[in-house]
Structure formats: C-alpha cells, structure tokens
Amino acid sequence: MVDMMSDLFFLLTCYGISNIVIGSKLFKPIREYIISFGNEKFNELIKCYMCLGFWVGVFVGFLGGSNFLTILSKAFISSGFCWIVRVLLHALGEDEL
C-alpha cells in the first residue's frame, strides 16, 4: 500500500509540475522568454505534456535517489500519465484549470 501511495504521489507531482510549467500564469513570462530565443527544441518542450512529463519524471526520480533503470522507467510512466491526464481533461472540456 505504501508503494502504491508513493507511486501515486510521484505521478501527481510530475503532472503538477508539468501543468504549472506549461499552463500556469506564474510561468507565462518564463515561457515567453524561452520562446523569444526561437529554439524549437525548448519551444516544443514547454508546450508538450508528454515531453515535459518525461523530463520532470527524470528530475523527480533523480531527486528520489533511484538507480538509472528506475529513473528511466519512472520517466516513461510519468510521460504517459501526464499525456493521459491531459487528454482526459481536454475531452471533459477542462482545458483551462
């Protein structure tokens, strides 16, 4: 039960960070600053829940002190979870949270 709760906490943390970076008013000036450089890789990263979810999963997994394979698997799971939540919210008409 503890493992399941920590996994759920991990996924919700990754989605929360991704949502704040991609969609919040708080990060809007930072997003606009990054977009002003014209680097397409970073522009795509800050617009894509799946992409950012992966890297947030790497970062949070690294902070958790996991080994490489665990970090990598958590990153892929985080990426998929962020994408699924975003698709479900979009389907429900909750584009702006």
Protein backbone atom coordinates (compact mmCIF):
# COMPACT_ATOMS: atom_id res chain seq x y z
CA MET A 1 0.00 0.00 0.00
CA VAL A 2 2.86 2.37 0.81
CA ASP A 3 4.50 1.72 -2.57
CA MET A 4 1.24 2.39 -4.37
CA MET A 5 0.75 5.67 -2.50
CA SER A 6 4.31 6.80 -3.19
CA ASP A 7 3.86 5.93 -6.88
CA LEU A 8 0.62 7.92 -7.00
CA PHE A 9 2.33 10.82 -5.24
CA PHE A 10 5.17 10.63 -7.77
CA LEU A 11 2.76 10.72 -10.73
CA LEU A 12 0.67 13.56 -9.32
CA THR A 13 3.84 15.52 -8.55
CA CYS A 14 5.09 15.08 -12.11
CA TYR A 15 1.75 16.11 -13.58
CA GLY A 16 1.51 19.08 -11.24
CA ILE A 17 4.97 20.36 -12.16
CA SER A 18 4.27 19.83 -15.87
CA ASN A 19 0.93 21.61 -15.64
CA ILE A 20 2.45 24.56 -13.77
CA VAL A 21 5.27 24.95 -16.30
CA ILE A 22 3.07 24.52 -19.41
CA GLY A 23 -0.18 26.17 -18.44
CA SER A 24 0.12 28.47 -15.45
CA LYS A 25 0.09 32.24 -15.37
CA LEU A 26 3.01 32.06 -12.95
CA PHE A 27 5.35 30.63 -15.60
CA LYS A 28 3.96 32.63 -18.53
CA PRO A 29 6.82 35.20 -18.50
CA ILE A 30 9.37 32.37 -18.37
CA ARG A 31 7.65 30.54 -21.26
CA GLU A 32 7.58 33.73 -23.34
CA TYR A 33 11.25 34.37 -22.57
CA ILE A 34 12.20 30.85 -23.69
CA ILE A 35 10.08 31.18 -26.84
CA SER A 36 11.80 34.50 -27.66
CA PHE A 37 15.07 32.63 -28.23
CA GLY A 38 13.48 30.70 -31.09
CA ASN A 39 14.97 27.35 -30.08
CA GLU A 40 12.45 24.84 -31.41
CA LYS A 41 13.50 22.05 -29.03
CA PHE A 42 12.76 24.13 -25.93
CA ASN A 43 9.63 25.60 -27.50
CA GLU A 44 8.27 22.09 -28.06
CA LEU A 45 9.31 21.02 -24.57
CA ILE A 46 7.31 23.76 -22.84
CA LYS A 47 4.21 23.03 -24.93
CA CYS A 48 4.13 19.23 -24.76
CA TYR A 49 2.84 17.41 -21.68
CA MET A 50 4.34 14.13 -22.82
CA CYS A 51 7.79 15.63 -23.45
CA LEU A 52 7.96 17.70 -20.29
CA GLY A 53 6.41 14.86 -18.28
CA PHE A 54 9.34 12.66 -19.27
CA TRP A 55 11.97 15.16 -18.14
CA VAL A 56 10.10 16.02 -14.97
CA GLY A 57 9.97 12.27 -14.27
CA VAL A 58 13.74 12.06 -14.73
CA PHE A 59 14.26 15.01 -12.39
CA VAL A 60 11.87 13.81 -9.67
CA GLY A 61 13.17 10.24 -9.97
CA PHE A 62 16.73 11.52 -9.59
CA LEU A 63 15.73 13.51 -6.50
CA GLY A 64 14.23 10.34 -5.08
CA GLY A 65 17.62 8.65 -5.20
CA SER A 66 16.64 5.90 -7.61
CA ASN A 67 19.01 3.93 -9.81
CA PHE A 68 19.25 4.58 -13.56
CA LEU A 69 16.75 1.97 -14.73
CA THR A 70 14.19 3.01 -12.11
CA ILE A 71 14.58 6.67 -13.08
CA LEU A 72 14.16 5.78 -16.75
CA SER A 73 11.06 3.67 -16.17
CA LYS A 74 9.54 6.34 -13.92
CA ALA A 75 10.23 8.95 -16.60
CA PHE A 76 8.36 6.96 -19.24
CA ILE A 77 5.47 6.28 -16.85
CA SER A 78 5.35 9.97 -15.92
CA SER A 79 5.28 10.94 -19.58
CA GLY A 80 2.37 8.64 -20.30
CA PHE A 81 0.48 9.68 -17.17
CA CYS A 82 0.83 13.40 -17.97
CA TRP A 83 -0.41 12.78 -21.51
CA ILE A 84 -3.36 10.63 -20.40
CA VAL A 85 -4.49 13.15 -17.76
CA ARG A 86 -4.21 15.99 -20.27
CA VAL A 87 -6.21 14.08 -22.92
CA LEU A 88 -8.91 13.19 -20.38
CA LEU A 89 -9.18 16.77 -19.14
CA HIS A 90 -9.35 18.03 -22.72
CA ALA A 91 -12.12 15.53 -23.51
CA LEU A 92 -14.04 16.78 -20.48
CA GLY A 93 -13.67 20.37 -21.68
CA GLU A 94 -11.36 21.39 -18.83
CA ASP A 95 -8.64 22.99 -20.95
CA GLU A 96 -8.09 25.82 -18.51
CA LEU A 97 -7.65 24.75 -14.91
